[in-house]
Amino acid sequence: MISLFTTIEDKNLAYHVTDDILAVNKARQHLASKYSFDINKLHYMNQIHSSIVKNISQIENAQTCDALITNQKNTPLMVMVADCIPILFYDKINDVIAVAHAGRIGTFEDISTKTINKMIKEYNCDVSNIHVTLGPSIQKCCYEVSQQIADSVSKNFGKEFVNKRYIDLQGINIKQLLKIGIKQKNIEISSVCTKCSNQPYFSYRKDNSCGRFVGLIMMK
């Protein structure tokens, strides 16, 4: 089992934020070598800030969506981020994995629940067996939005997720995960804020021309 989040040291791993395709190819090849997976089996997405979830057995690579699921072994799934929440899912009983890109829109549209529901529908997963990891992302200390959005969060998700104009995407996702039945003990969340922690992660809020780090999961 491979489950990881890259850092700036692993370079930019997204084609959509650079014209230097060769550099991204090199970085991805290095990642494949570092973690011993077949680069030709790597699945990633054309992420559009949606709540669309797809099963890779039904699609070609780089489809337009924001979550992927599979039960195929030796098949890495990758989500690219720079402040949004990279989420990894694993049902160790049924051997099913998933990744999701939970930005503001994906979170508001409950992409976590939709990903889990697809795992249940297509692979008969039991929600009590699913482990979820939320990787480094912008935290409630730094995620400032418009007053209109802050008011909407307070109204639709709860006042506890708002502090003036700062919102807590991680908290909202955890609430959604618990609501669908994920056990608290099966949820891991990084406390690293990509914007202010000075840890080696790309942050769009710090530099809107930055690269992307990734969350990656694969069953061996």
N, C-alpha and C. Protein backbone atom coordinates (compact mmCIF):
# COMPACT_ATOMS: atom_id res chain seq x y z
N MET A 1 0.84 -1.20 0.00
CA MET A 1 0.00 0.00 0.00
C MET A 1 0.88 1.25 0.00
N ILE A 2 0.60 2.15 -0.92
CA ILE A 2 1.27 3.44 -0.96
C ILE A 2 0.23 4.53 -0.71
N SER A 3 0.51 5.41 0.23
CA SER A 3 -0.37 6.53 0.52
C SER A 3 0.52 7.70 0.93
N LEU A 4 0.52 8.78 0.15
CA LEU A 4 1.50 9.84 0.39
C LEU A 4 1.04 11.19 -0.15
N PHE A 5 1.74 12.21 0.35
CA PHE A 5 1.60 13.57 -0.18
C PHE A 5 3.00 14.07 -0.51
N THR A 6 3.18 14.55 -1.70
CA THR A 6 4.49 15.04 -2.11
C THR A 6 4.73 16.42 -1.53
N THR A 7 5.95 16.92 -1.70
CA THR A 7 6.31 18.27 -1.27
C THR A 7 6.93 19.01 -2.45
N ILE A 8 7.33 20.24 -2.19
CA ILE A 8 7.99 21.04 -3.23
C ILE A 8 9.25 20.34 -3.72
N GLU A 9 9.87 19.56 -2.85
CA GLU A 9 11.09 18.84 -3.24
C GLU A 9 10.83 17.86 -4.37
N ASP A 10 9.59 17.42 -4.51
CA ASP A 10 9.22 16.52 -5.61
C ASP A 10 8.85 17.27 -6.88
N LYS A 11 8.95 18.59 -6.83
CA LYS A 11 8.72 19.47 -7.99
C LYS A 11 7.22 19.55 -8.33
N ASN A 12 6.93 20.36 -9.34
CA ASN A 12 5.57 20.53 -9.84
C ASN A 12 5.14 19.28 -10.61
N LEU A 13 3.98 18.74 -10.28
CA LEU A 13 3.51 17.50 -10.90
C LEU A 13 2.26 17.69 -11.75
N ALA A 14 1.95 18.94 -12.07
CA ALA A 14 0.74 19.24 -12.84
C ALA A 14 1.07 19.92 -14.16
N TYR A 15 0.51 19.39 -15.24
CA TYR A 15 0.72 19.98 -16.56
C TYR A 15 -0.01 21.31 -16.72
N HIS A 16 -1.14 21.48 -16.05
CA HIS A 16 -2.00 22.62 -16.34
C HIS A 16 -1.49 23.94 -15.79
N VAL A 17 -0.41 23.93 -15.02
CA VAL A 17 0.12 25.19 -14.48
C VAL A 17 1.50 25.53 -15.05
N THR A 18 1.88 24.87 -16.12
CA THR A 18 3.19 25.14 -16.72
C THR A 18 3.18 24.76 -18.19
N ASP A 19 4.02 25.43 -18.95
CA ASP A 19 4.22 25.05 -20.35
C ASP A 19 5.36 24.05 -20.48
N ASP A 20 6.05 23.79 -19.37
CA ASP A 20 7.21 22.91 -19.41
C ASP A 20 6.79 21.46 -19.18
N ILE A 21 6.26 20.86 -20.24
CA ILE A 21 5.76 19.48 -20.15
C ILE A 21 6.88 18.51 -19.81
N LEU A 22 8.06 18.76 -20.35
CA LEU A 22 9.18 17.86 -20.10
C LEU A 22 9.56 17.84 -18.62
N ALA A 23 9.49 19.00 -17.97
CA ALA A 23 9.82 19.07 -16.54
C ALA A 23 8.81 18.28 -15.71
N VAL A 24 7.53 18.38 -16.07
CA VAL A 24 6.50 17.63 -15.36
C VAL A 24 6.68 16.13 -15.60
N ASN A 25 6.97 15.77 -16.85
CA ASN A 25 7.22 14.36 -17.16
C ASN A 25 8.38 13.82 -16.31
N LYS A 26 9.43 14.61 -16.21
CA LYS A 26 10.60 14.20 -15.43
C LYS A 26 10.24 14.04 -13.96
N ALA A 27 9.47 14.99 -13.42
CA ALA A 27 9.07 14.93 -12.02
C ALA A 27 8.18 13.72 -11.74
N ARG A 28 7.29 13.43 -12.67
CA ARG A 28 6.41 12.26 -12.49
C ARG A 28 7.20 10.96 -12.61
N GLN A 29 8.14 10.92 -13.52
CA GLN A 29 8.98 9.72 -13.66
C GLN A 29 9.79 9.50 -12.38
N HIS A 30 10.32 10.59 -11.84
CA HIS A 30 11.10 10.50 -10.60
C HIS A 30 10.23 9.99 -9.46
N LEU A 31 8.98 10.47 -9.40
CA LEU A 31 8.05 10.02 -8.37
C LEU A 31 7.75 8.52 -8.52
N ALA A 32 7.57 8.09 -9.75
CA ALA A 32 7.30 6.68 -10.00
C ALA A 32 8.48 5.81 -9.59
N SER A 33 9.67 6.29 -9.85
CA SER A 33 10.87 5.56 -9.46
C SER A 33 11.03 5.55 -7.94
N LYS A 34 10.77 6.68 -7.33
CA LYS A 34 10.92 6.84 -5.87
C LYS A 34 10.00 5.89 -5.11
N TYR A 35 8.78 5.71 -5.63
CA TYR A 35 7.79 4.89 -4.91
C TYR A 35 7.45 3.59 -5.63
N SER A 36 8.23 3.28 -6.65
CA SER A 36 8.14 1.97 -7.33
C SER A 36 6.75 1.67 -7.89
N PHE A 37 6.26 2.58 -8.74
CA PHE A 37 5.03 2.26 -9.46
C PHE A 37 5.22 2.53 -10.95
N ASP A 38 4.35 1.94 -11.76
CA ASP A 38 4.42 2.05 -13.22
C ASP A 38 3.77 3.37 -13.65
N ILE A 39 4.57 4.27 -14.20
CA ILE A 39 4.07 5.57 -14.60
C ILE A 39 2.94 5.45 -15.62
N ASN A 40 2.94 4.39 -16.40
CA ASN A 40 1.90 4.18 -17.42
C ASN A 40 0.55 3.81 -16.82
N LYS A 41 0.55 3.45 -15.54
CA LYS A 41 -0.71 3.10 -14.87
C LYS A 41 -1.22 4.21 -13.97
N LEU A 42 -0.51 5.33 -13.97
CA LEU A 42 -0.90 6.46 -13.13
C LEU A 42 -2.18 7.11 -13.67
N HIS A 43 -3.16 7.32 -12.81
CA HIS A 43 -4.40 7.99 -13.20
C HIS A 43 -4.53 9.32 -12.47
N TYR A 44 -4.82 10.36 -13.24
CA TYR A 44 -5.00 11.69 -12.70
C TYR A 44 -6.18 12.34 -13.40
N MET A 45 -6.50 13.56 -13.03
CA MET A 45 -7.73 14.18 -13.52
C MET A 45 -7.51 15.55 -14.13
N ASN A 46 -8.42 15.94 -14.99
CA ASN A 46 -8.56 17.32 -15.42
C ASN A 46 -9.53 17.95 -14.42
N GLN A 47 -8.99 18.50 -13.34
CA GLN A 47 -9.80 18.96 -12.21
C GLN A 47 -10.46 20.30 -12.52
N ILE A 48 -11.76 20.38 -12.23
CA ILE A 48 -12.52 21.58 -12.60
C ILE A 48 -13.30 22.17 -11.43
N HIS A 49 -12.97 21.80 -10.20
CA HIS A 49 -13.70 22.27 -9.02
C HIS A 49 -15.17 21.87 -9.11
N SER A 50 -15.38 20.56 -9.27
CA SER A 50 -16.72 20.01 -9.34
C SER A 50 -16.88 18.97 -8.24
N SER A 51 -17.99 18.23 -8.28
CA SER A 51 -18.15 17.07 -7.39
C SER A 51 -18.38 15.81 -8.21
N ILE A 52 -17.82 15.80 -9.42
CA ILE A 52 -17.94 14.65 -10.32
C ILE A 52 -16.96 13.56 -9.89
N VAL A 53 -17.47 12.33 -9.74
CA VAL A 53 -16.67 11.18 -9.33
C VAL A 53 -16.72 10.14 -10.44
N LYS A 54 -15.56 9.60 -10.82
CA LYS A 54 -15.53 8.59 -11.88
C LYS A 54 -14.74 7.37 -11.44
N ASN A 55 -15.13 6.25 -12.01
CA ASN A 55 -14.44 4.98 -11.80
C ASN A 55 -13.45 4.79 -12.94
N ILE A 56 -12.19 4.56 -12.66
CA ILE A 56 -11.20 4.52 -13.73
C ILE A 56 -11.38 3.32 -14.65
N SER A 57 -12.12 2.31 -14.23
CA SER A 57 -12.36 1.16 -15.11
C SER A 57 -13.27 1.53 -16.27
N GLN A 58 -13.92 2.69 -16.15
CA GLN A 58 -14.88 3.12 -17.16
C GLN A 58 -14.38 4.29 -18.00
N ILE A 59 -13.14 4.74 -17.76
CA ILE A 59 -12.67 5.94 -18.44
C ILE A 59 -11.22 5.80 -18.89
N GLU A 60 -10.83 6.71 -19.75
CA GLU A 60 -9.43 6.88 -20.08
C GLU A 60 -8.85 7.88 -19.08
N ASN A 61 -7.54 8.07 -19.14
CA ASN A 61 -6.89 8.94 -18.17
C ASN A 61 -7.24 10.41 -18.40
N ALA A 62 -6.99 11.18 -17.35
CA ALA A 62 -7.14 12.64 -17.38
C ALA A 62 -8.55 13.07 -17.79
N GLN A 63 -9.54 12.40 -17.27
CA GLN A 63 -10.92 12.79 -17.53
C GLN A 63 -11.29 14.00 -16.68
N THR A 64 -12.31 14.70 -17.13
CA THR A 64 -12.78 15.87 -16.41
C THR A 64 -13.64 15.43 -15.23
N CYS A 65 -13.07 15.54 -14.05
CA CYS A 65 -13.75 15.16 -12.82
C CYS A 65 -12.89 15.63 -11.66
N ASP A 66 -13.35 15.39 -10.43
CA ASP A 66 -12.57 15.79 -9.27
C ASP A 66 -12.44 14.68 -8.23
N ALA A 67 -12.81 13.46 -8.62
CA ALA A 67 -12.58 12.30 -7.76
C ALA A 67 -12.53 11.05 -8.62
N LEU A 68 -11.68 10.11 -8.21
CA LEU A 68 -11.51 8.85 -8.91
C LEU A 68 -11.58 7.70 -7.92
N ILE A 69 -12.14 6.56 -8.36
CA ILE A 69 -12.12 5.36 -7.54
C ILE A 69 -11.67 4.17 -8.37
N THR A 70 -11.14 3.14 -7.68
CA THR A 70 -10.77 1.90 -8.36
C THR A 70 -10.60 0.78 -7.35
N ASN A 71 -10.69 -0.45 -7.86
CA ASN A 71 -10.33 -1.63 -7.05
C ASN A 71 -9.14 -2.34 -7.69
N GLN A 72 -8.51 -1.69 -8.66
CA GLN A 72 -7.38 -2.29 -9.36
C GLN A 72 -6.09 -2.10 -8.57
N LYS A 73 -5.33 -3.16 -8.43
CA LYS A 73 -4.06 -3.08 -7.73
C LYS A 73 -2.97 -2.55 -8.66
N ASN A 74 -1.90 -2.04 -8.06
CA ASN A 74 -0.78 -1.47 -8.82
C ASN A 74 -1.23 -0.38 -9.78
N THR A 75 -2.25 0.35 -9.36
CA THR A 75 -2.83 1.42 -10.19
C THR A 75 -2.94 2.68 -9.35
N PRO A 76 -1.93 3.53 -9.38
CA PRO A 76 -1.95 4.74 -8.54
C PRO A 76 -2.97 5.77 -9.02
N LEU A 77 -3.66 6.37 -8.05
CA LEU A 77 -4.56 7.48 -8.30
C LEU A 77 -3.93 8.74 -7.73
N MET A 78 -4.05 9.85 -8.44
CA MET A 78 -3.36 11.08 -8.05
C MET A 78 -4.30 12.27 -8.09
N VAL A 79 -4.22 13.12 -7.06
CA VAL A 79 -4.96 14.37 -7.02
C VAL A 79 -3.96 15.51 -6.84
N MET A 80 -4.13 16.58 -7.60
CA MET A 80 -3.18 17.70 -7.61
C MET A 80 -3.76 18.91 -6.88
N VAL A 81 -2.95 19.52 -6.01
CA VAL A 81 -3.46 20.62 -5.18
C VAL A 81 -2.39 21.68 -4.89
N ALA A 82 -2.89 22.84 -4.46
CA ALA A 82 -2.02 23.90 -3.93
C ALA A 82 -2.90 24.80 -3.09
N ASP A 83 -3.38 24.30 -1.98
CA ASP A 83 -4.28 24.91 -0.99
C ASP A 83 -5.56 24.11 -0.82
N CYS A 84 -6.14 23.59 -1.91
CA CYS A 84 -7.32 22.74 -1.79
C CYS A 84 -6.96 21.46 -1.02
N ILE A 85 -7.96 20.76 -0.53
CA ILE A 85 -7.71 19.57 0.28
C ILE A 85 -7.57 18.33 -0.60
N PRO A 86 -6.42 17.66 -0.53
CA PRO A 86 -6.28 16.37 -1.22
C PRO A 86 -6.78 15.27 -0.27
N ILE A 87 -7.77 14.51 -0.70
CA ILE A 87 -8.37 13.49 0.17
C ILE A 87 -8.12 12.10 -0.41
N LEU A 88 -7.63 11.19 0.45
CA LEU A 88 -7.38 9.80 0.07
C LEU A 88 -8.33 8.90 0.84
N PHE A 89 -8.89 7.91 0.14
CA PHE A 89 -9.84 6.98 0.73
C PHE A 89 -9.33 5.55 0.53
N TYR A 90 -9.56 4.69 1.53
CA TYR A 90 -9.13 3.29 1.41
C TYR A 90 -10.05 2.38 2.20
N ASP A 91 -10.65 1.42 1.50
CA ASP A 91 -11.41 0.35 2.15
C ASP A 91 -10.51 -0.88 2.15
N LYS A 92 -9.93 -1.19 3.29
CA LYS A 92 -8.94 -2.27 3.38
C LYS A 92 -9.59 -3.65 3.36
N ILE A 93 -10.88 -3.73 3.56
CA ILE A 93 -11.58 -5.01 3.51
C ILE A 93 -11.91 -5.39 2.07
N ASN A 94 -12.45 -4.45 1.32
CA ASN A 94 -12.82 -4.70 -0.08
C ASN A 94 -11.72 -4.35 -1.07
N ASP A 95 -10.62 -3.76 -0.58
CA ASP A 95 -9.54 -3.32 -1.44
C ASP A 95 -10.04 -2.36 -2.52
N VAL A 96 -10.49 -1.21 -2.07
CA VAL A 96 -10.95 -0.15 -2.96
C VAL A 96 -10.28 1.14 -2.48
N ILE A 97 -9.82 1.95 -3.44
CA ILE A 97 -9.21 3.24 -3.11
C ILE A 97 -9.87 4.35 -3.90
N ALA A 98 -9.66 5.57 -3.43
CA ALA A 98 -10.19 6.74 -4.13
C ALA A 98 -9.38 7.97 -3.77
N VAL A 99 -9.46 8.97 -4.62
CA VAL A 99 -8.90 10.29 -4.33
C VAL A 99 -9.94 11.34 -4.67
N ALA A 100 -9.88 12.47 -3.96
CA ALA A 100 -10.80 13.57 -4.25
C ALA A 100 -10.09 14.90 -4.09
N HIS A 101 -10.51 15.85 -4.91
CA HIS A 101 -9.99 17.22 -4.89
C HIS A 101 -11.08 18.09 -4.26
N ALA A 102 -10.89 18.42 -2.98
CA ALA A 102 -11.92 19.15 -2.24
C ALA A 102 -11.53 20.60 -2.04
N GLY A 103 -11.81 21.39 -3.04
CA GLY A 103 -11.69 22.83 -2.90
C GLY A 103 -12.98 23.37 -2.31
N ARG A 104 -13.19 24.66 -2.41
CA ARG A 104 -14.39 25.24 -1.82
C ARG A 104 -15.66 24.69 -2.48
N ILE A 105 -15.68 24.68 -3.81
CA ILE A 105 -16.88 24.23 -4.51
C ILE A 105 -17.10 22.74 -4.30
N GLY A 106 -16.04 21.94 -4.41
CA GLY A 106 -16.18 20.51 -4.17
C GLY A 106 -16.68 20.22 -2.77
N THR A 107 -16.17 20.96 -1.80
CA THR A 107 -16.61 20.78 -0.41
C THR A 107 -18.07 21.17 -0.27
N PHE A 108 -18.45 22.32 -0.82
CA PHE A 108 -19.85 22.76 -0.72
C PHE A 108 -20.80 21.78 -1.39
N GLU A 109 -20.30 21.10 -2.45
CA GLU A 109 -21.14 20.13 -3.17
C GLU A 109 -20.97 18.71 -2.61
N ASP A 110 -20.25 18.59 -1.49
CA ASP A 110 -20.13 17.33 -0.75
C ASP A 110 -19.44 16.23 -1.55
N ILE A 111 -18.29 16.56 -2.11
CA ILE A 111 -17.58 15.58 -2.92
C ILE A 111 -17.13 14.37 -2.11
N SER A 112 -16.85 14.55 -0.82
CA SER A 112 -16.44 13.42 0.01
C SER A 112 -17.54 12.37 0.08
N THR A 113 -18.76 12.81 0.35
CA THR A 113 -19.90 11.89 0.43
C THR A 113 -20.15 11.22 -0.90
N LYS A 114 -20.06 11.98 -1.98
CA LYS A 114 -20.32 11.42 -3.32
C LYS A 114 -19.28 10.37 -3.68
N THR A 115 -18.04 10.60 -3.26
CA THR A 115 -16.98 9.62 -3.52
C THR A 115 -17.27 8.33 -2.76
N ILE A 116 -17.62 8.46 -1.49
CA ILE A 116 -17.92 7.28 -0.68
C ILE A 116 -19.15 6.55 -1.21
N ASN A 117 -20.17 7.28 -1.62
CA ASN A 117 -21.36 6.64 -2.17
C ASN A 117 -21.05 5.84 -3.43
N LYS A 118 -20.11 6.35 -4.24
CA LYS A 118 -19.74 5.62 -5.45
C LYS A 118 -18.95 4.36 -5.10
N MET A 119 -18.11 4.45 -4.07
CA MET A 119 -17.40 3.26 -3.60
C MET A 119 -18.39 2.20 -3.11
N ILE A 120 -19.42 2.64 -2.42
CA ILE A 120 -20.44 1.72 -1.92
C ILE A 120 -21.24 1.12 -3.07
N LYS A 121 -21.66 1.96 -4.00
CA LYS A 121 -22.51 1.52 -5.11
C LYS A 121 -21.78 0.56 -6.04
N GLU A 122 -20.53 0.88 -6.37
CA GLU A 122 -19.84 0.10 -7.40
C GLU A 122 -19.04 -1.07 -6.84
N TYR A 123 -18.64 -1.00 -5.57
CA TYR A 123 -17.81 -2.07 -5.03
C TYR A 123 -18.34 -2.63 -3.70
N ASN A 124 -19.57 -2.24 -3.37
CA ASN A 124 -20.21 -2.78 -2.16
C ASN A 124 -19.38 -2.53 -0.90
N CYS A 125 -18.74 -1.38 -0.83
CA CYS A 125 -17.95 -1.03 0.35
C CYS A 125 -18.87 -0.80 1.55
N ASP A 126 -18.37 -1.09 2.70
CA ASP A 126 -19.05 -0.79 3.97
C ASP A 126 -18.40 0.47 4.52
N VAL A 127 -19.20 1.48 4.77
CA VAL A 127 -18.67 2.77 5.19
C VAL A 127 -17.83 2.66 6.47
N SER A 128 -18.13 1.69 7.30
CA SER A 128 -17.39 1.53 8.55
C SER A 128 -15.97 1.04 8.33
N ASN A 129 -15.68 0.54 7.13
CA ASN A 129 -14.33 0.04 6.82
C ASN A 129 -13.47 1.05 6.07
N ILE A 130 -14.03 2.19 5.73
CA ILE A 130 -13.31 3.16 4.91
C ILE A 130 -12.48 4.11 5.78
N HIS A 131 -11.21 4.21 5.46
CA HIS A 131 -10.30 5.15 6.11
C HIS A 131 -10.11 6.36 5.19
N VAL A 132 -10.06 7.53 5.79
CA VAL A 132 -9.97 8.77 5.00
C VAL A 132 -8.83 9.64 5.55
N THR A 133 -8.01 10.15 4.64
CA THR A 133 -6.92 11.03 5.02
C THR A 133 -7.04 12.36 4.29
N LEU A 134 -7.09 13.46 5.05
CA LEU A 134 -7.10 14.80 4.47
C LEU A 134 -5.68 15.35 4.59
N GLY A 135 -5.08 15.65 3.46
CA GLY A 135 -3.69 16.08 3.44
C GLY A 135 -3.51 17.56 3.71
N PRO A 136 -2.26 18.03 3.63
CA PRO A 136 -1.96 19.45 3.84
C PRO A 136 -2.79 20.34 2.93
N SER A 137 -3.29 21.43 3.48
CA SER A 137 -4.13 22.35 2.71
C SER A 137 -4.21 23.67 3.46
N ILE A 138 -4.84 24.64 2.85
CA ILE A 138 -5.02 25.91 3.54
C ILE A 138 -5.99 25.69 4.70
N GLN A 139 -5.63 26.20 5.88
CA GLN A 139 -6.41 25.95 7.08
C GLN A 139 -7.29 27.15 7.42
N LYS A 140 -8.11 26.99 8.43
CA LYS A 140 -9.05 28.03 8.82
C LYS A 140 -8.36 29.32 9.28
N CYS A 141 -7.06 29.22 9.60
CA CYS A 141 -6.30 30.41 9.98
C CYS A 141 -6.07 31.36 8.81
N CYS A 142 -6.10 30.81 7.59
CA CYS A 142 -5.69 31.59 6.42
C CYS A 142 -6.70 31.63 5.28
N TYR A 143 -7.76 30.80 5.36
CA TYR A 143 -8.67 30.74 4.21
C TYR A 143 -9.74 31.82 4.32
N GLU A 144 -9.37 33.00 3.83
CA GLU A 144 -10.26 34.16 3.85
C GLU A 144 -11.07 34.22 2.57
N VAL A 145 -12.37 34.46 2.70
CA VAL A 145 -13.28 34.53 1.55
C VAL A 145 -14.10 35.81 1.65
N SER A 146 -14.97 36.02 0.68
CA SER A 146 -15.83 37.21 0.72
C SER A 146 -16.84 37.07 1.86
N GLN A 147 -17.39 38.19 2.28
CA GLN A 147 -18.40 38.15 3.34
C GLN A 147 -19.62 37.35 2.91
N GLN A 148 -19.95 37.43 1.62
CA GLN A 148 -21.10 36.69 1.09
C GLN A 148 -20.88 35.18 1.24
N ILE A 149 -19.68 34.72 0.90
CA ILE A 149 -19.39 33.30 1.02
C ILE A 149 -19.36 32.88 2.49
N ALA A 150 -18.75 33.71 3.33
CA ALA A 150 -18.70 33.41 4.76
C ALA A 150 -20.11 33.29 5.34
N ASP A 151 -20.98 34.19 4.93
CA ASP A 151 -22.37 34.14 5.41
C ASP A 151 -23.06 32.88 4.92
N SER A 152 -22.78 32.48 3.69
CA SER A 152 -23.38 31.26 3.12
C SER A 152 -22.92 30.02 3.88
N VAL A 153 -21.63 30.00 4.24
CA VAL A 153 -21.10 28.87 5.01
C VAL A 153 -21.78 28.79 6.37
N SER A 154 -21.90 29.94 7.01
CA SER A 154 -22.54 29.98 8.32
C SER A 154 -23.98 29.48 8.25
N LYS A 155 -24.69 29.87 7.22
CA LYS A 155 -26.09 29.50 7.05
C LYS A 155 -26.25 28.03 6.69
N ASN A 156 -25.40 27.52 5.78
CA ASN A 156 -25.60 26.18 5.23
C ASN A 156 -24.86 25.08 5.98
N PHE A 157 -23.77 25.43 6.68
CA PHE A 157 -22.97 24.40 7.34
C PHE A 157 -22.86 24.59 8.85
N GLY A 158 -22.96 25.84 9.31
CA GLY A 158 -22.88 26.09 10.74
C GLY A 158 -21.94 27.23 11.07
N LYS A 159 -22.28 27.99 12.10
CA LYS A 159 -21.47 29.13 12.51
C LYS A 159 -20.08 28.72 13.00
N GLU A 160 -19.96 27.46 13.44
CA GLU A 160 -18.68 26.99 13.96
C GLU A 160 -17.60 26.90 12.88
N PHE A 161 -18.00 26.97 11.62
CA PHE A 161 -17.03 26.87 10.53
C PHE A 161 -16.63 28.23 9.98
N VAL A 162 -17.01 29.29 10.69
CA VAL A 162 -16.73 30.65 10.23
C VAL A 162 -16.16 31.49 11.37
N ASN A 163 -15.10 32.23 11.06
CA ASN A 163 -14.55 33.21 11.99
C ASN A 163 -14.30 34.49 11.21
N LYS A 164 -15.22 35.43 11.35
CA LYS A 164 -15.20 36.65 10.53
C LYS A 164 -15.32 36.24 9.07
N ARG A 165 -14.26 36.38 8.27
CA ARG A 165 -14.34 35.97 6.87
C ARG A 165 -13.44 34.76 6.58
N TYR A 166 -13.04 34.06 7.62
CA TYR A 166 -12.22 32.86 7.46
C TYR A 166 -13.10 31.62 7.64
N ILE A 167 -12.96 30.66 6.73
CA ILE A 167 -13.81 29.47 6.81
C ILE A 167 -12.96 28.21 6.96
N ASP A 168 -13.59 27.18 7.50
CA ASP A 168 -12.92 25.93 7.86
C ASP A 168 -13.37 24.80 6.93
N LEU A 169 -12.70 24.67 5.79
CA LEU A 169 -13.06 23.61 4.85
C LEU A 169 -12.83 22.22 5.45
N GLN A 170 -11.74 22.07 6.19
CA GLN A 170 -11.46 20.77 6.80
C GLN A 170 -12.60 20.36 7.73
N GLY A 171 -13.05 21.30 8.54
CA GLY A 171 -14.13 21.01 9.47
C GLY A 171 -15.41 20.60 8.76
N ILE A 172 -15.71 21.27 7.65
CA ILE A 172 -16.91 20.93 6.89
C ILE A 172 -16.79 19.51 6.32
N ASN A 173 -15.63 19.19 5.77
CA ASN A 173 -15.43 17.85 5.22
C ASN A 173 -15.55 16.79 6.32
N ILE A 174 -14.98 17.05 7.48
CA ILE A 174 -15.08 16.09 8.58
C ILE A 174 -16.54 15.90 8.98
N LYS A 175 -17.30 16.98 9.06
CA LYS A 175 -18.72 16.89 9.38
C LYS A 175 -19.44 16.01 8.36
N GLN A 176 -19.12 16.18 7.09
CA GLN A 176 -19.75 15.38 6.04
C GLN A 176 -19.36 13.91 6.14
N LEU A 177 -18.10 13.65 6.45
CA LEU A 177 -17.63 12.28 6.58
C LEU A 177 -18.30 11.57 7.75
N LEU A 178 -18.40 12.27 8.86
CA LEU A 178 -19.05 11.67 10.04
C LEU A 178 -20.54 11.44 9.77
N LYS A 179 -21.17 12.35 9.05
CA LYS A 179 -22.60 12.24 8.77
C LYS A 179 -22.90 11.00 7.95
N ILE A 180 -22.03 10.67 6.98
CA ILE A 180 -22.29 9.49 6.15
C ILE A 180 -21.93 8.20 6.86
N GLY A 181 -21.17 8.31 7.96
CA GLY A 181 -20.89 7.12 8.75
C GLY A 181 -19.43 6.72 8.88
N ILE A 182 -18.52 7.56 8.38
CA ILE A 182 -17.11 7.27 8.59
C ILE A 182 -16.80 7.41 10.08
N LYS A 183 -16.08 6.44 10.63
CA LYS A 183 -15.75 6.49 12.05
C LYS A 183 -14.70 7.57 12.32
N GLN A 184 -14.87 8.27 13.44
CA GLN A 184 -13.91 9.31 13.80
C GLN A 184 -12.48 8.79 13.82
N LYS A 185 -12.29 7.56 14.34
CA LYS A 185 -10.96 6.99 14.42
C LYS A 185 -10.37 6.67 13.06
N ASN A 186 -11.21 6.64 12.02
CA ASN A 186 -10.75 6.33 10.67
C ASN A 186 -10.50 7.58 9.84
N ILE A 187 -10.52 8.75 10.48
CA ILE A 187 -10.26 10.00 9.77
C ILE A 187 -8.95 10.59 10.26
N GLU A 188 -8.03 10.84 9.34
CA GLU A 188 -6.78 11.52 9.65
C GLU A 188 -6.76 12.86 8.93
N ILE A 189 -6.30 13.88 9.61
CA ILE A 189 -6.25 15.20 8.98
C ILE A 189 -4.94 15.88 9.29
N SER A 190 -4.30 16.39 8.26
CA SER A 190 -3.05 17.13 8.45
C SER A 190 -3.34 18.49 9.08
N SER A 191 -2.51 18.88 10.01
CA SER A 191 -2.65 20.20 10.63
C SER A 191 -1.81 21.25 9.91
N VAL A 192 -1.13 20.86 8.84
CA VAL A 192 -0.25 21.77 8.11
C VAL A 192 -1.06 22.71 7.24
N CYS A 193 -0.87 24.01 7.44
CA CYS A 193 -1.48 25.00 6.56
C CYS A 193 -0.50 25.31 5.44
N THR A 194 -0.94 25.10 4.23
CA THR A 194 -0.04 25.30 3.08
C THR A 194 0.37 26.76 2.92
N LYS A 195 -0.45 27.69 3.41
CA LYS A 195 -0.13 29.10 3.23
C LYS A 195 0.86 29.62 4.28
N CYS A 196 0.64 29.31 5.56
CA CYS A 196 1.41 30.01 6.60
C CYS A 196 2.39 29.15 7.39
N SER A 197 2.42 27.85 7.14
CA SER A 197 3.23 26.97 7.98
C SER A 197 4.72 26.99 7.65
N ASN A 198 5.05 27.51 6.47
CA ASN A 198 6.43 27.48 5.97
C ASN A 198 6.93 26.05 5.74
N GLN A 199 5.99 25.11 5.65
CA GLN A 199 6.33 23.75 5.27
C GLN A 199 6.42 23.69 3.74
N PRO A 200 7.14 22.69 3.19
CA PRO A 200 7.42 22.69 1.74
C PRO A 200 6.27 22.21 0.87
N TYR A 201 5.20 23.01 0.83
CA TYR A 201 4.05 22.69 -0.02
C TYR A 201 3.71 23.92 -0.86
N PHE A 202 3.26 23.68 -2.09
CA PHE A 202 2.83 24.79 -2.93
C PHE A 202 1.55 25.40 -2.36
N SER A 203 1.43 26.72 -2.48
CA SER A 203 0.24 27.43 -2.03
C SER A 203 -0.14 28.48 -3.06
N TYR A 204 -1.32 28.35 -3.64
CA TYR A 204 -1.80 29.30 -4.63
C TYR A 204 -2.05 30.67 -3.99
N ARG A 205 -2.46 30.67 -2.72
CA ARG A 205 -2.70 31.94 -2.04
C ARG A 205 -1.40 32.72 -1.81
N LYS A 206 -0.29 32.01 -1.68
CA LYS A 206 1.01 32.68 -1.53
C LYS A 206 1.60 33.07 -2.88
N ASP A 207 1.36 32.23 -3.89
CA ASP A 207 1.96 32.45 -5.21
C ASP A 207 1.04 31.84 -6.26
N ASN A 208 0.31 32.69 -6.97
CA ASN A 208 -0.68 32.16 -7.91
C ASN A 208 -0.06 31.60 -9.19
N SER A 209 1.25 31.62 -9.27
CA SER A 209 1.93 30.97 -10.40
C SER A 209 2.67 29.71 -9.95
N CYS A 210 2.31 29.21 -8.78
CA CYS A 210 3.03 28.06 -8.22
C CYS A 210 2.66 26.76 -8.91
N GLY A 211 3.43 25.70 -8.60
CA GLY A 211 3.14 24.38 -9.10
C GLY A 211 2.10 23.69 -8.25
N ARG A 212 1.99 22.38 -8.39
CA ARG A 212 1.05 21.59 -7.62
C ARG A 212 1.76 20.39 -6.99
N PHE A 213 1.47 20.16 -5.70
CA PHE A 213 1.90 18.90 -5.10
C PHE A 213 0.74 17.92 -5.20
N VAL A 214 0.95 16.68 -4.84
CA VAL A 214 -0.11 15.69 -5.06
C VAL A 214 -0.32 14.80 -3.85
N GLY A 215 -1.54 14.28 -3.78
CA GLY A 215 -1.85 13.16 -2.93
C GLY A 215 -1.93 11.94 -3.84
N LEU A 216 -1.32 10.85 -3.41
CA LEU A 216 -1.28 9.65 -4.25
C LEU A 216 -1.55 8.41 -3.40
N ILE A 217 -2.35 7.50 -3.95
CA ILE A 217 -2.64 6.26 -3.25
C ILE A 217 -2.65 5.11 -4.25
N MET A 218 -2.14 3.95 -3.81
CA MET A 218 -2.09 2.77 -4.66
C MET A 218 -2.07 1.52 -3.80
N MET A 219 -2.81 0.50 -4.23
CA MET A 219 -2.74 -0.81 -3.58
C MET A 219 -1.75 -1.69 -4.33
N LYS A 220 -0.90 -2.38 -3.59
CA LYS A 220 0.04 -3.30 -4.22
C LYS A 220 -0.53 -4.72 -4.22
